[in-house]
PDB file of N, CA and C in Angstrom:
ATOM      1  N   UNK A   1      29.318 -40.244  -8.203  1.00  0.00           N
ATOM      2  CA  UNK A   1      29.210 -38.814  -8.350  1.00  0.00           C
ATOM      3  C   UNK A   1      30.168 -38.171  -7.337  1.00  0.00           C
ATOM      4  N   UNK A   2      30.926 -37.205  -7.816  1.00  0.00           N
ATOM      5  CA  UNK A   2      31.872 -36.536  -6.919  1.00  0.00           C
ATOM      6  C   UNK A   2      31.135 -35.506  -6.076  1.00  0.00           C
ATOM      7  N   UNK A   3      31.826 -35.046  -5.044  1.00  0.00           N
ATOM      8  CA  UNK A   3      31.262 -34.033  -4.159  1.00  0.00           C
ATOM      9  C   UNK A   3      30.980 -32.742  -4.936  1.00  0.00           C
ATOM     10  N   UNK A   4      31.849 -32.372  -5.842  1.00  0.00           N
ATOM     11  CA  UNK A   4      31.661 -31.166  -6.660  1.00  0.00           C
ATOM     12  C   UNK A   4      30.431 -31.306  -7.546  1.00  0.00           C
ATOM     13  N   UNK A   5      30.244 -32.471  -8.148  1.00  0.00           N
ATOM     14  CA  UNK A   5      29.078 -32.705  -9.000  1.00  0.00           C
ATOM     15  C   UNK A   5      27.783 -32.620  -8.183  1.00  0.00           C
ATOM     16  N   UNK A   6      27.811 -33.180  -6.980  1.00  0.00           N
ATOM     17  CA  UNK A   6      26.630 -33.135  -6.111  1.00  0.00           C
ATOM     18  C   UNK A   6      26.300 -31.702  -5.727  1.00  0.00           C
ATOM     19  N   UNK A   7      27.324 -30.917  -5.452  1.00  0.00           N
ATOM     20  CA  UNK A   7      27.090 -29.512  -5.099  1.00  0.00           C
ATOM     21  C   UNK A   7      26.534 -28.729  -6.297  1.00  0.00           C
ATOM     22  N   UNK A   8      27.035 -29.012  -7.473  1.00  0.00           N
ATOM     23  CA  UNK A   8      26.536 -28.347  -8.684  1.00  0.00           C
ATOM     24  C   UNK A   8      25.070 -28.688  -8.904  1.00  0.00           C
ATOM     25  N   UNK A   9      24.714 -29.946  -8.748  1.00  0.00           N
ATOM     26  CA  UNK A   9      23.324 -30.369  -8.914  1.00  0.00           C
ATOM     27  C   UNK A   9      22.438 -29.677  -7.881  1.00  0.00           C
ATOM     28  N   UNK A  10      22.930 -29.622  -6.646  1.00  0.00           N
ATOM     29  CA  UNK A  10      22.163 -28.958  -5.584  1.00  0.00           C
ATOM     30  C   UNK A  10      21.963 -27.476  -5.914  1.00  0.00           C
ATOM     31  N   UNK A  11      22.994 -26.794  -6.371  1.00  0.00           N
ATOM     32  CA  UNK A  11      22.883 -25.388  -6.761  1.00  0.00           C
ATOM     33  C   UNK A  11      21.917 -25.204  -7.925  1.00  0.00           C
ATOM     34  N   UNK A  12      21.952 -26.103  -8.888  1.00  0.00           N
ATOM     35  CA  UNK A  12      21.027 -26.023 -10.013  1.00  0.00           C
ATOM     36  C   UNK A  12      19.584 -26.171  -9.534  1.00  0.00           C
ATOM     37  N   UNK A  13      19.348 -27.056  -8.577  1.00  0.00           N
ATOM     38  CA  UNK A  13      18.006 -27.235  -8.030  1.00  0.00           C
ATOM     39  C   UNK A  13      17.543 -25.966  -7.303  1.00  0.00           C
ATOM     40  N   UNK A  14      18.450 -25.355  -6.535  1.00  0.00           N
ATOM     41  CA  UNK A  14      18.106 -24.122  -5.838  1.00  0.00           C
ATOM     42  C   UNK A  14      17.794 -22.996  -6.830  1.00  0.00           C
ATOM     43  N   UNK A  15      18.605 -22.898  -7.875  1.00  0.00           N
ATOM     44  CA  UNK A  15      18.374 -21.871  -8.886  1.00  0.00           C
ATOM     45  C   UNK A  15      17.049 -22.084  -9.610  1.00  0.00           C
ATOM     46  N   UNK A  16      16.717 -23.322  -9.899  1.00  0.00           N
ATOM     47  CA  UNK A  16      15.449 -23.620 -10.557  1.00  0.00           C
ATOM     48  C   UNK A  16      14.270 -23.212  -9.670  1.00  0.00           C
ATOM     49  N   UNK A  17      14.372 -23.511  -8.370  1.00  0.00           N
ATOM     50  CA  UNK A  17      13.304 -23.129  -7.437  1.00  0.00           C
ATOM     51  C   UNK A  17      13.183 -21.613  -7.364  1.00  0.00           C
ATOM     52  N   UNK A  18      14.315 -20.920  -7.338  1.00  0.00           N
ATOM     53  CA  UNK A  18      14.287 -19.455  -7.296  1.00  0.00           C
ATOM     54  C   UNK A  18      13.728 -18.872  -8.588  1.00  0.00           C
ATOM     55  N   UNK A  19      14.046 -19.479  -9.704  1.00  0.00           N
ATOM     56  CA  UNK A  19      13.520 -19.009 -10.983  1.00  0.00           C
ATOM     57  C   UNK A  19      12.000 -19.163 -11.013  1.00  0.00           C
ATOM     58  N   UNK A  20      11.487 -20.278 -10.478  1.00  0.00           N
ATOM     59  CA  UNK A  20      10.038 -20.482 -10.406  1.00  0.00           C
ATOM     60  C   UNK A  20       9.386 -19.438  -9.496  1.00  0.00           C
ATOM     61  N   UNK A  21      10.013 -19.169  -8.352  1.00  0.00           N
ATOM     62  CA  UNK A  21       9.475 -18.178  -7.416  1.00  0.00           C
ATOM     63  C   UNK A  21       9.482 -16.794  -8.053  1.00  0.00           C
ATOM     64  N   UNK A  22      10.529 -16.471  -8.777  1.00  0.00           N
ATOM     65  CA  UNK A  22      10.622 -15.182  -9.459  1.00  0.00           C
ATOM     66  C   UNK A  22       9.534 -15.058 -10.523  1.00  0.00           C
ATOM     67  N   UNK A  23       9.283 -16.101 -11.260  1.00  0.00           N
ATOM     68  CA  UNK A  23       8.232 -16.084 -12.274  1.00  0.00           C
ATOM     69  C   UNK A  23       6.869 -15.846 -11.629  1.00  0.00           C
ATOM     70  N   UNK A  24       6.591 -16.529 -10.519  1.00  0.00           N
ATOM     71  CA  UNK A  24       5.316 -16.340  -9.811  1.00  0.00           C
ATOM     72  C   UNK A  24       5.193 -14.896  -9.318  1.00  0.00           C
ATOM     73  N   UNK A  25       6.279 -14.338  -8.808  1.00  0.00           N
ATOM     74  CA  UNK A  25       6.271 -12.964  -8.332  1.00  0.00           C
ATOM     75  C   UNK A  25       6.013 -11.991  -9.478  1.00  0.00           C
ATOM     76  N   UNK A  26       6.634 -12.216 -10.620  1.00  0.00           N
ATOM     77  CA  UNK A  26       6.408 -11.364 -11.781  1.00  0.00           C
ATOM     78  C   UNK A  26       4.947 -11.429 -12.219  1.00  0.00           C
ATOM     79  N   UNK A  27       4.348 -12.608 -12.184  1.00  0.00           N
ATOM     80  CA  UNK A  27       2.947 -12.757 -12.562  1.00  0.00           C
ATOM     81  C   UNK A  27       2.033 -12.018 -11.578  1.00  0.00           C
ATOM     82  N   UNK A  28       2.377 -12.089 -10.296  1.00  0.00           N
ATOM     83  CA  UNK A  28       1.579 -11.392  -9.291  1.00  0.00           C
ATOM     84  C   UNK A  28       1.681  -9.880  -9.454  1.00  0.00           C
ATOM     85  N   UNK A  29       2.877  -9.378  -9.729  1.00  0.00           N
ATOM     86  CA  UNK A  29       3.058  -7.947  -9.942  1.00  0.00           C
ATOM     87  C   UNK A  29       2.288  -7.493 -11.181  1.00  0.00           C
ATOM     88  N   UNK A  30       2.334  -8.287 -12.240  1.00  0.00           N
ATOM     89  CA  UNK A  30       1.602  -7.948 -13.464  1.00  0.00           C
ATOM     90  C   UNK A  30       0.098  -7.915 -13.195  1.00  0.00           C
ATOM     91  N   UNK A  31      -0.406  -8.858 -12.417  1.00  0.00           N
ATOM     92  CA  UNK A  31      -1.840  -8.883 -12.092  1.00  0.00           C
ATOM     93  C   UNK A  31      -2.218  -7.669 -11.243  1.00  0.00           C
ATOM     94  N   UNK A  32      -1.373  -7.309 -10.303  1.00  0.00           N
ATOM     95  CA  UNK A  32      -1.636  -6.145  -9.468  1.00  0.00           C
ATOM     96  C   UNK A  32      -1.603  -4.864 -10.297  1.00  0.00           C
ATOM     97  N   UNK A  33      -0.639  -4.755 -11.187  1.00  0.00           N
ATOM     98  CA  UNK A  33      -0.547  -3.582 -12.058  1.00  0.00           C
ATOM     99  C   UNK A  33      -1.798  -3.467 -12.930  1.00  0.00           C
ATOM    100  N   UNK A  34      -2.288  -4.572 -13.438  1.00  0.00           N
ATOM    101  CA  UNK A  34      -3.506  -4.560 -14.247  1.00  0.00           C
ATOM    102  C   UNK A  34      -4.707  -4.133 -13.411  1.00  0.00           C
ATOM    103  N   UNK A  35      -4.777  -4.614 -12.169  1.00  0.00           N
ATOM    104  CA  UNK A  35      -5.883  -4.235 -11.293  1.00  0.00           C
ATOM    105  C   UNK A  35      -5.870  -2.729 -11.020  1.00  0.00           C
ATOM    106  N   UNK A  36      -4.688  -2.158 -10.833  1.00  0.00           N
ATOM    107  CA  UNK A  36      -4.578  -0.720 -10.609  1.00  0.00           C
ATOM    108  C   UNK A  36      -4.997   0.041 -11.858  1.00  0.00           C
ATOM    109  N   UNK A  37      -4.525  -0.409 -13.030  1.00  0.00           N
ATOM    110  CA  UNK A  37      -4.916   0.256 -14.283  1.00  0.00           C
ATOM    111  C   UNK A  37      -6.425   0.213 -14.479  1.00  0.00           C
ATOM    112  N   UNK A  38      -7.032  -0.927 -14.184  1.00  0.00           N
ATOM    113  CA  UNK A  38      -8.478  -1.074 -14.334  1.00  0.00           C
ATOM    114  C   UNK A  38      -9.206  -0.132 -13.377  1.00  0.00           C
ATOM    115  N   UNK A  39      -8.752  -0.077 -12.139  1.00  0.00           N
ATOM    116  CA  UNK A  39      -9.391   0.790 -11.151  1.00  0.00           C
ATOM    117  C   UNK A  39      -9.225   2.260 -11.519  1.00  0.00           C
ATOM    118  N   UNK A  40      -8.057   2.633 -12.041  1.00  0.00           N
ATOM    119  CA  UNK A  40      -7.830   4.024 -12.421  1.00  0.00           C
ATOM    120  C   UNK A  40      -8.629   4.416 -13.653  1.00  0.00           C
ATOM    121  N   UNK A  41      -8.889   3.475 -14.533  1.00  0.00           N
ATOM    122  CA  UNK A  41      -9.617   3.810 -15.752  1.00  0.00           C
ATOM    123  C   UNK A  41     -11.116   3.874 -15.530  1.00  0.00           C
ATOM    124  N   UNK A  42     -11.622   3.277 -14.480  1.00  0.00           N
ATOM    125  CA  UNK A  42     -13.060   3.279 -14.216  1.00  0.00           C
ATOM    126  C   UNK A  42     -13.340   3.486 -12.732  1.00  0.00           C
ATOM    127  N   UNK A  43     -12.883   4.605 -12.154  1.00  0.00           N
ATOM    128  CA  UNK A  43     -13.049   4.776 -10.717  1.00  0.00           C
ATOM    129  C   UNK A  43     -14.476   5.049 -10.284  1.00  0.00           C
ATOM    130  N   UNK A  44     -15.351   5.363 -11.234  1.00  0.00           N
ATOM    131  CA  UNK A  44     -16.713   5.698 -10.867  1.00  0.00           C
ATOM    132  C   UNK A  44     -17.668   4.533 -11.078  1.00  0.00           C
ATOM    133  N   UNK A  45     -17.126   3.343 -11.283  1.00  0.00           N
ATOM    134  CA  UNK A  45     -17.954   2.157 -11.470  1.00  0.00           C
ATOM    135  C   UNK A  45     -18.840   1.915 -10.270  1.00  0.00           C
ATOM    136  N   UNK A  46     -19.976   1.311 -10.496  1.00  0.00           N
ATOM    137  CA  UNK A  46     -20.963   1.120  -9.444  1.00  0.00           C
ATOM    138  C   UNK A  46     -20.557   0.130  -8.390  1.00  0.00           C
ATOM    139  N   UNK A  47     -21.488  -0.181  -7.543  1.00  0.00           N
ATOM    140  CA  UNK A  47     -21.285  -1.216  -6.546  1.00  0.00           C
ATOM    141  C   UNK A  47     -21.026  -0.695  -5.155  1.00  0.00           C
ATOM    142  N   UNK A  48     -20.312   0.381  -5.023  1.00  0.00           N
ATOM    143  CA  UNK A  48     -19.996   0.889  -3.691  1.00  0.00           C
ATOM    144  C   UNK A  48     -19.040  -0.033  -2.966  1.00  0.00           C
ATOM    145  N   UNK A  49     -18.754   0.304  -1.753  1.00  0.00           N
ATOM    146  CA  UNK A  49     -17.891  -0.554  -0.949  1.00  0.00           C
ATOM    147  C   UNK A  49     -16.445  -0.485  -1.375  1.00  0.00           C
ATOM    148  N   UNK A  50     -15.827   0.647  -1.261  1.00  0.00           N
ATOM    149  CA  UNK A  50     -14.400   0.735  -1.536  1.00  0.00           C
ATOM    150  C   UNK A  50     -14.095   1.522  -2.783  1.00  0.00           C
ATOM    151  N   UNK A  51     -12.861   1.815  -2.923  1.00  0.00           N
ATOM    152  CA  UNK A  51     -12.398   2.590  -4.046  1.00  0.00           C
ATOM    153  C   UNK A  51     -10.988   3.038  -3.768  1.00  0.00           C
ATOM    154  N   UNK A  52     -10.472   3.835  -4.653  1.00  0.00           N
ATOM    155  CA  UNK A  52      -9.105   4.309  -4.486  1.00  0.00           C
ATOM    156  C   UNK A  52      -9.118   5.707  -3.903  1.00  0.00           C
ATOM    157  N   UNK A  53      -8.217   5.939  -2.972  1.00  0.00           N
ATOM    158  CA  UNK A  53      -8.014   7.256  -2.401  1.00  0.00           C
ATOM    159  C   UNK A  53      -6.600   7.670  -2.776  1.00  0.00           C
ATOM    160  N   UNK A  54      -6.473   8.866  -3.314  1.00  0.00           N
ATOM    161  CA  UNK A  54      -5.171   9.336  -3.765  1.00  0.00           C
ATOM    162  C   UNK A  54      -4.718  10.519  -2.916  1.00  0.00           C
ATOM    163  N   UNK A  55      -3.407  10.707  -2.863  1.00  0.00           N
ATOM    164  CA  UNK A  55      -2.805  11.778  -2.084  1.00  0.00           C
ATOM    165  C   UNK A  55      -1.746  12.479  -2.928  1.00  0.00           C
ATOM    166  N   UNK A  56      -1.471  13.735  -2.574  1.00  0.00           N
ATOM    167  CA  UNK A  56      -0.311  14.430  -3.117  1.00  0.00           C
ATOM    168  C   UNK A  56       0.428  15.070  -1.945  1.00  0.00           C
ATOM    169  N   UNK A  57       1.691  15.360  -2.161  1.00  0.00           N
ATOM    170  CA  UNK A  57       2.467  16.054  -1.145  1.00  0.00           C
ATOM    171  C   UNK A  57       1.946  17.472  -0.988  1.00  0.00           C
ATOM    172  N   UNK A  58       2.165  18.069   0.187  1.00  0.00           N
ATOM    173  CA  UNK A  58       1.697  19.435   0.420  1.00  0.00           C
ATOM    174  C   UNK A  58       2.256  20.421  -0.603  1.00  0.00           C
ATOM    175  N   UNK A  59       1.392  21.232  -1.158  1.00  0.00           N
ATOM    176  CA  UNK A  59       1.773  22.256  -2.128  1.00  0.00           C
ATOM    177  C   UNK A  59       0.695  23.332  -2.108  1.00  0.00           C
ATOM    178  N   UNK A  60       1.090  24.566  -2.353  1.00  0.00           N
ATOM    179  CA  UNK A  60       0.106  25.646  -2.405  1.00  0.00           C
ATOM    180  C   UNK A  60      -0.618  25.583  -3.748  1.00  0.00           C
ATOM    181  N   UNK A  61      -1.954  25.474  -3.665  1.00  0.00           N
ATOM    182  CA  UNK A  61      -2.809  25.563  -4.854  1.00  0.00           C
ATOM    183  C   UNK A  61      -3.872  26.596  -4.516  1.00  0.00           C
ATOM    184  N   UNK A  62      -3.882  27.690  -5.221  1.00  0.00           N
ATOM    185  CA  UNK A  62      -4.838  28.751  -4.932  1.00  0.00           C
ATOM    186  C   UNK A  62      -6.260  28.271  -5.188  1.00  0.00           C
ATOM    187  N   UNK A  63      -7.211  28.937  -4.546  1.00  0.00           N
ATOM    188  CA  UNK A  63      -8.617  28.611  -4.753  1.00  0.00           C
ATOM    189  C   UNK A  63      -8.969  28.810  -6.224  1.00  0.00           C
ATOM    190  N   UNK A  64      -9.511  27.792  -6.859  1.00  0.00           N
ATOM    191  CA  UNK A  64      -9.853  27.851  -8.276  1.00  0.00           C
ATOM    192  C   UNK A  64      -8.668  27.638  -9.200  1.00  0.00           C
ATOM    193  N   UNK A  65      -7.487  27.416  -8.628  1.00  0.00           N
ATOM    194  CA  UNK A  65      -6.279  27.234  -9.425  1.00  0.00           C
ATOM    195  C   UNK A  65      -5.889  25.780  -9.585  1.00  0.00           C
ATOM    196  N   UNK A  66      -4.758  25.576 -10.220  1.00  0.00           N
ATOM    197  CA  UNK A  66      -4.270  24.219 -10.436  1.00  0.00           C
ATOM    198  C   UNK A  66      -2.747  24.212 -10.430  1.00  0.00           C
ATOM    199  N   UNK A  67      -2.187  23.024 -10.280  1.00  0.00           N
ATOM    200  CA  UNK A  67      -0.743  22.804 -10.427  1.00  0.00           C
ATOM    201  C   UNK A  67      -0.555  21.607 -11.345  1.00  0.00           C
ATOM    202  N   UNK A  68       0.557  21.604 -12.046  1.00  0.00           N
ATOM    203  CA  UNK A  68       0.877  20.469 -12.916  1.00  0.00           C
ATOM    204  C   UNK A  68       2.224  19.904 -12.516  1.00  0.00           C
ATOM    205  N   UNK A  69       2.504  18.692 -13.016  1.00  0.00           N
ATOM    206  CA  UNK A  69       3.767  18.034 -12.702  1.00  0.00           C
ATOM    207  C   UNK A  69       3.762  17.379 -11.340  1.00  0.00           C
ATOM    208  N   UNK A  70       2.582  17.043 -10.845  1.00  0.00           N
ATOM    209  CA  UNK A  70       2.425  16.487  -9.502  1.00  0.00           C
ATOM    210  C   UNK A  70       2.465  14.963  -9.554  1.00  0.00           C
ATOM    211  N   UNK A  71       3.127  14.359  -8.564  1.00  0.00           N
ATOM    212  CA  UNK A  71       3.118  12.903  -8.419  1.00  0.00           C
ATOM    213  C   UNK A  71       1.944  12.510  -7.534  1.00  0.00           C
ATOM    214  N   UNK A  72       1.176  11.538  -7.993  1.00  0.00           N
ATOM    215  CA  UNK A  72       0.013  11.040  -7.259  1.00  0.00           C
ATOM    216  C   UNK A  72       0.440   9.797  -6.473  1.00  0.00           C
ATOM    217  N   UNK A  73       0.010   9.727  -5.212  1.00  0.00           N
ATOM    218  CA  UNK A  73       0.353   8.615  -4.333  1.00  0.00           C
ATOM    219  C   UNK A  73      -0.918   7.875  -3.905  1.00  0.00           C
ATOM    220  N   UNK A  74      -0.744   6.581  -3.596  1.00  0.00           N
ATOM    221  CA  UNK A  74      -1.822   5.777  -3.021  1.00  0.00           C
ATOM    222  C   UNK A  74      -1.290   5.155  -1.735  1.00  0.00           C
ATOM    223  N   UNK A  75      -2.178   4.911  -0.790  1.00  0.00           N
ATOM    224  CA  UNK A  75      -1.793   4.282   0.469  1.00  0.00           C
ATOM    225  C   UNK A  75      -1.723   2.776   0.253  1.00  0.00           C
ATOM    226  N   UNK A  76      -0.522   2.218   0.348  1.00  0.00           N
ATOM    227  CA  UNK A  76      -0.327   0.776   0.189  1.00  0.00           C
ATOM    228  C   UNK A  76       0.300   0.259   1.477  1.00  0.00           C
ATOM    229  N   UNK A  77      -0.504  -0.434   2.272  1.00  0.00           N
ATOM    230  CA  UNK A  77       0.002  -1.002   3.517  1.00  0.00           C
ATOM    231  C   UNK A  77       0.496   0.037   4.500  1.00  0.00           C
ATOM    232  N   UNK A  78      -0.123   1.224   4.513  1.00  0.00           N
ATOM    233  CA  UNK A  78       0.265   2.268   5.441  1.00  0.00           C
ATOM    234  C   UNK A  78       1.390   3.160   4.944  1.00  0.00           C
ATOM    235  N   UNK A  79       1.804   2.962   3.706  1.00  0.00           N
ATOM    236  CA  UNK A  79       2.877   3.767   3.128  1.00  0.00           C
ATOM    237  C   UNK A  79       2.372   4.446   1.866  1.00  0.00           C
ATOM    238  N   UNK A  80       2.600   5.753   1.770  1.00  0.00           N
ATOM    239  CA  UNK A  80       2.233   6.454   0.538  1.00  0.00           C
ATOM    240  C   UNK A  80       3.207   6.030  -0.548  1.00  0.00           C
ATOM    241  N   UNK A  81       2.658   5.429  -1.597  1.00  0.00           N
ATOM    242  CA  UNK A  81       3.451   4.855  -2.680  1.00  0.00           C
ATOM    243  C   UNK A  81       3.091   5.549  -3.986  1.00  0.00           C
ATOM    244  N   UNK A  82       4.102   6.005  -4.705  1.00  0.00           N
ATOM    245  CA  UNK A  82       3.863   6.716  -5.961  1.00  0.00           C
ATOM    246  C   UNK A  82       3.158   5.803  -6.961  1.00  0.00           C
ATOM    247  N   UNK A  83       2.169   6.364  -7.644  1.00  0.00           N
ATOM    248  CA  UNK A  83       1.502   5.659  -8.731  1.00  0.00           C
ATOM    249  C   UNK A  83       2.262   5.961 -10.020  1.00  0.00           C
ATOM    250  N   UNK A  84       1.720   5.524 -11.130  1.00  0.00           N
ATOM    251  CA  UNK A  84       2.343   5.815 -12.425  1.00  0.00           C
ATOM    252  C   UNK A  84       2.085   7.251 -12.860  1.00  0.00           C
ATOM    253  N   UNK A  85       1.233   7.965 -12.128  1.00  0.00           N
ATOM    254  CA  UNK A  85       0.918   9.362 -12.447  1.00  0.00           C
ATOM    255  C   UNK A  85       1.957  10.282 -11.811  1.00  0.00           C
ATOM    256  N   UNK A  86       2.967  10.667 -12.578  1.00  0.00           N
ATOM    257  CA  UNK A  86       4.036  11.510 -12.044  1.00  0.00           C
ATOM    258  C   UNK A  86       4.042  12.903 -12.655  1.00  0.00           C
ATOM    259  N   UNK A  87       3.086  13.197 -13.516  1.00  0.00           N
ATOM    260  CA  UNK A  87       3.007  14.504 -14.156  1.00  0.00           C
ATOM    261  C   UNK A  87       1.552  14.954 -14.215  1.00  0.00           C
ATOM    262  N   UNK A  88       0.856  14.781 -13.099  1.00  0.00           N
ATOM    263  CA  UNK A  88      -0.583  15.025 -13.063  1.00  0.00           C
ATOM    264  C   UNK A  88      -0.905  16.502 -12.861  1.00  0.00           C
ATOM    265  N   UNK A  89      -2.119  16.869 -13.278  1.00  0.00           N
ATOM    266  CA  UNK A  89      -2.669  18.195 -13.008  1.00  0.00           C
ATOM    267  C   UNK A  89      -3.693  18.052 -11.889  1.00  0.00           C
ATOM    268  N   UNK A  90      -3.579  18.919 -10.883  1.00  0.00           N
ATOM    269  CA  UNK A  90      -4.494  18.894  -9.740  1.00  0.00           C
ATOM    270  C   UNK A  90      -5.171  20.256  -9.628  1.00  0.00           C
ATOM    271  N   UNK A  91      -6.511  20.230  -9.582  1.00  0.00           N
ATOM    272  CA  UNK A  91      -7.326  21.432  -9.461  1.00  0.00           C
ATOM    273  C   UNK A  91      -7.797  21.599  -8.029  1.00  0.00           C
ATOM    274  N   UNK A  92      -7.853  22.854  -7.566  1.00  0.00           N
ATOM    275  CA  UNK A  92      -8.390  23.152  -6.240  1.00  0.00           C
ATOM    276  C   UNK A  92      -9.653  23.986  -6.407  1.00  0.00           C
ATOM    277  N   UNK A  93     -10.806  23.360  -6.268  1.00  0.00           N
ATOM    278  CA  UNK A  93     -12.077  24.053  -6.424  1.00  0.00           C
ATOM    279  C   UNK A  93     -12.666  24.450  -5.062  1.00  0.00           C
ATOM    280  N   UNK A  94     -11.863  24.288  -3.992  1.00  0.00           N
ATOM    281  CA  UNK A  94     -12.322  24.669  -2.661  1.00  0.00           C
ATOM    282  C   UNK A  94     -12.260  26.193  -2.506  1.00  0.00           C
ATOM    283  N   UNK A  95     -12.875  26.708  -1.449  1.00  0.00           N
ATOM    284  CA  UNK A  95     -12.938  28.149  -1.230  1.00  0.00           C
ATOM    285  C   UNK A  95     -11.621  28.748  -0.765  1.00  0.00           C
ATOM    286  N   UNK A  96     -10.707  27.911  -0.288  1.00  0.00           N
ATOM    287  CA  UNK A  96      -9.426  28.452   0.171  1.00  0.00           C
ATOM    288  C   UNK A  96      -8.274  27.651  -0.425  1.00  0.00           C
ATOM    289  N   UNK A  97      -7.110  28.276  -0.393  1.00  0.00           N
ATOM    290  CA  UNK A  97      -5.910  27.652  -0.952  1.00  0.00           C
ATOM    291  C   UNK A  97      -5.425  26.523  -0.053  1.00  0.00           C
ATOM    292  N   UNK A  98      -4.713  25.593  -0.644  1.00  0.00           N
ATOM    293  CA  UNK A  98      -4.035  24.567   0.142  1.00  0.00           C
ATOM    294  C   UNK A  98      -2.716  25.166   0.634  1.00  0.00           C
ATOM    295  N   UNK A  99      -2.067  24.469   1.566  1.00  0.00           N
ATOM    296  CA  UNK A  99      -0.808  24.959   2.120  1.00  0.00           C
ATOM    297  C   UNK A  99       0.301  23.947   1.865  1.00  0.00           C
ATOM    298  N   UNK A 100       1.531  24.422   1.948  1.00  0.00           N
ATOM    299  CA  UNK A 100       2.674  23.546   1.681  1.00  0.00           C
ATOM    300  C   UNK A 100       3.361  23.094   2.959  1.00  0.00           C
ATOM    301  N   UNK A 101       2.640  23.089   4.080  1.00  0.00           N
ATOM    302  CA  UNK A 101       3.208  22.690   5.360  1.00  0.00           C
ATOM    303  C   UNK A 101       3.530  21.195   5.360  1.00  0.00           C
ATOM    304  N   UNK A 102       4.757  20.857   5.751  1.00  0.00           N
ATOM    305  CA  UNK A 102       5.200  19.464   5.770  1.00  0.00           C
ATOM    306  C   UNK A 102       4.239  18.594   6.583  1.00  0.00           C
ATOM    307  N   UNK A 103       3.918  17.441   6.062  1.00  0.00           N
ATOM    308  CA  UNK A 103       3.048  16.494   6.756  1.00  0.00           C
ATOM    309  C   UNK A 103       1.565  16.700   6.493  1.00  0.00           C
ATOM    310  N   UNK A 104       1.189  17.804   5.868  1.00  0.00           N
ATOM    311  CA  UNK A 104      -0.225  18.076   5.595  1.00  0.00           C
ATOM    312  C   UNK A 104      -0.563  17.609   4.176  1.00  0.00           C
ATOM    313  N   UNK A 105      -0.665  16.292   4.034  1.00  0.00           N
ATOM    314  CA  UNK A 105      -0.951  15.704   2.727  1.00  0.00           C
ATOM    315  C   UNK A 105      -2.311  16.152   2.221  1.00  0.00           C
ATOM    316  N   UNK A 106      -2.440  16.188   0.913  1.00  0.00           N
ATOM    317  CA  UNK A 106      -3.685  16.619   0.275  1.00  0.00           C
ATOM    318  C   UNK A 106      -4.360  15.398  -0.340  1.00  0.00           C
ATOM    319  N   UNK A 107      -5.622  15.192   0.022  1.00  0.00           N
ATOM    320  CA  UNK A 107      -6.404  14.086  -0.530  1.00  0.00           C
ATOM    321  C   UNK A 107      -7.030  14.569  -1.831  1.00  0.00           C
ATOM    322  N   UNK A 108      -6.855  13.789  -2.899  1.00  0.00           N
ATOM    323  CA  UNK A 108      -7.378  14.176  -4.205  1.00  0.00           C
ATOM    324  C   UNK A 108      -8.211  13.045  -4.801  1.00  0.00           C
ATOM    325  N   UNK A 109      -9.093  13.405  -5.710  1.00  0.00           N
ATOM    326  CA  UNK A 109      -9.909  12.438  -6.427  1.00  0.00           C
ATOM    327  C   UNK A 109      -9.689  12.580  -7.919  1.00  0.00           C
ATOM    328  N   UNK A 110      -9.847  11.491  -8.623  1.00  0.00           N
ATOM    329  CA  UNK A 110      -9.650  11.469 -10.068  1.00  0.00           C
ATOM    330  C   UNK A 110     -10.868  12.033 -10.788  1.00  0.00           C
ATOM    331  N   UNK A 111     -10.632  12.946 -11.729  1.00  0.00           N
ATOM    332  CA  UNK A 111     -11.690  13.514 -12.559  1.00  0.00           C
ATOM    333  C   UNK A 111     -11.849  12.686 -13.837  1.00  0.00           C
ATOM    334  N   UNK A 112     -12.996  12.788 -14.508  1.00  0.00           N
ATOM    335  CA  UNK A 112     -13.201  12.033 -15.747  1.00  0.00           C
ATOM    336  C   UNK A 112     -12.180  12.354 -16.847  1.00  0.00           C
ATOM    337  N   UNK A 113     -11.582  13.551 -16.804  1.00  0.00           N
ATOM    338  CA  UNK A 113     -10.595  13.913 -17.828  1.00  0.00           C
ATOM    339  C   UNK A 113      -9.168  13.533 -17.431  1.00  0.00           C
ATOM    340  N   UNK A 114      -9.036  12.699 -16.409  1.00  0.00           N
ATOM    341  CA  UNK A 114      -7.743  12.186 -15.920  1.00  0.00           C
ATOM    342  C   UNK A 114      -6.922  13.237 -15.177  1.00  0.00           C
ATOM    343  N   UNK A 115      -7.515  14.403 -14.842  1.00  0.00           N
ATOM    344  CA  UNK A 115      -6.898  15.318 -13.910  1.00  0.00           C
ATOM    345  C   UNK A 115      -7.414  14.950 -12.527  1.00  0.00           C
ATOM    346  N   UNK A 116      -6.969  15.653 -11.499  1.00  0.00           N
ATOM    347  CA  UNK A 116      -7.379  15.358 -10.139  1.00  0.00           C
ATOM    348  C   UNK A 116      -7.932  16.625  -9.496  1.00  0.00           C
ATOM    349  N   UNK A 117      -8.817  16.457  -8.502  1.00  0.00           N
ATOM    350  CA  UNK A 117      -9.354  17.583  -7.741  1.00  0.00           C
ATOM    351  C   UNK A 117      -9.072  17.383  -6.274  1.00  0.00           C
ATOM    352  N   UNK A 118      -8.761  18.494  -5.600  1.00  0.00           N
ATOM    353  CA  UNK A 118      -8.537  18.462  -4.151  1.00  0.00           C
ATOM    354  C   UNK A 118      -9.851  18.124  -3.460  1.00  0.00           C
ATOM    355  N   UNK A 119      -9.782  17.189  -2.540  1.00  0.00           N
ATOM    356  CA  UNK A 119     -10.951  16.850  -1.714  1.00  0.00           C
ATOM    357  C   UNK A 119     -10.814  17.514  -0.352  1.00  0.00           C
ATOM    358  N   UNK A 120      -9.647  17.377   0.254  1.00  0.00           N
ATOM    359  CA  UNK A 120      -9.371  17.997   1.550  1.00  0.00           C
ATOM    360  C   UNK A 120      -7.871  17.964   1.784  1.00  0.00           C
ATOM    361  N   UNK A 121      -7.461  18.633   2.861  1.00  0.00           N
ATOM    362  CA  UNK A 121      -6.053  18.604   3.254  1.00  0.00           C
ATOM    363  C   UNK A 121      -5.974  18.302   4.736  1.00  0.00           C
ATOM    364  N   UNK A 122      -4.935  17.574   5.141  1.00  0.00           N
ATOM    365  CA  UNK A 122      -4.723  17.242   6.545  1.00  0.00           C
ATOM    366  C   UNK A 122      -4.707  18.510   7.394  1.00  0.00           C
ATOM    367  N   UNK A 123      -5.207  18.391   8.600  1.00  0.00           N
ATOM    368  CA  UNK A 123      -5.216  19.542   9.523  1.00  0.00           C
ATOM    369  C   UNK A 123      -3.840  19.787  10.094  1.00  0.00           C
TER     370      UNK A 123
END
């Protein structure tokens, strides 16, 4: 076997290992995506002990009002990460309006009709 042939075989082995790793990663991402879909479709399921907390960027929502076209975020490893909800409606049923001050994220909860309600806003 020539040196070139040996190098080609070695590269093929490396590519095969990378292809296997990529397949495993794709399967893990698919499983995680399914877990998120399941949690979003049934957030009020029993059992207690955990759940999803959602956030939106600071925006003015008047008391009793709503905004649409909002991106919903979840905390993933300390980073607010956009969910698949990029055109959500968020209702503010609190007694006062929210504010659009930078850094004052708004905590929201999912409603049964797939809209969201303001829970609180950062101080």
